């Protein structure tokens, strides 16, 4: 249905020439918002986009273990029609959404890897590693049992500042977030301190579901906003995200659990790799290949269930 047709059907009285975007106010969120606006400017050059910054629970309360701490307020603004679509880091979204809301589009995926940052180019044994993610904490302990792993909270600049002011040997951060803020590996400078980045192998450090993906969420019934936003959807990234999110839904896991899951296309077929930590130090691993995202997620989930029996 076109914008004009949706208007005549009674969804909206007139086609919209502008749209309201909702986003968090962190440096990374605003950088990602600029990417979205640039993409929309290419497909809808006459569209006027207003930006509404919304503070989320996670911006002022960094306690772990709760779903949606970076997304709930944005979703509420959508439901209350204060914004027309929301920009999210896909990994922050709960695996099950409010029924009236939908992920309408995603941008092409950025880098999925995690980086180990050091203050020296010398790759000496790491005694202390800081990271906020429970997934990364479990991966770090498994890969380097001798290291002490400590917690680290805050946005990317805050984490970098804490690192250079500490005696920690290394921290782990997502490559995509650093690159979107202009911090490019293998080395960069932050507040006068040179930092050196090592890309962690995906074999051991499987990324979080949705890592590196910018997701655009709308009200499912808002046909005008859905049509506008879907003009910038990257199909392959969206299919991969569907597989990752379905696996997390089956596992009842989100970004606050020690789970890695990553989908990609290889030779025209989707591959899905999953890594789940339980009581044992070592994770359970499973992989699969297929064409249907939800079916593939179910297949990999069943493999893990069988392995645990």
Foldseek 3Di string as FASTA:
>chain_A
DDQQVCCVVPLNVDFDQEFEEEWADDPLGVLVVVVLVVLLCVVNVRHHYHYDHDHFQCQPDVDFDDAQRRNPRVVVCQVVVVGFKYKDLLQRHFLDDDPQKDFLAKAPFDDQWKKKKFLDPDPDDFAEEEEAFPQVVLLCCLVRVNHHYYYADDDDLRRVVVVVVDPGGIYIDGQLSCVSSPQHPQWDDDPRGIMGIDTDDCVRRAGGQSGRMITMMGGPSNVSSSVSSNVNHDVQVVLFSLLRSLLCVVVVHGRNFNKHWGWHDDPNKIKIKIWHDDPDSGTDIFMDIGHHSNVRSVVRNVVSVVVVD
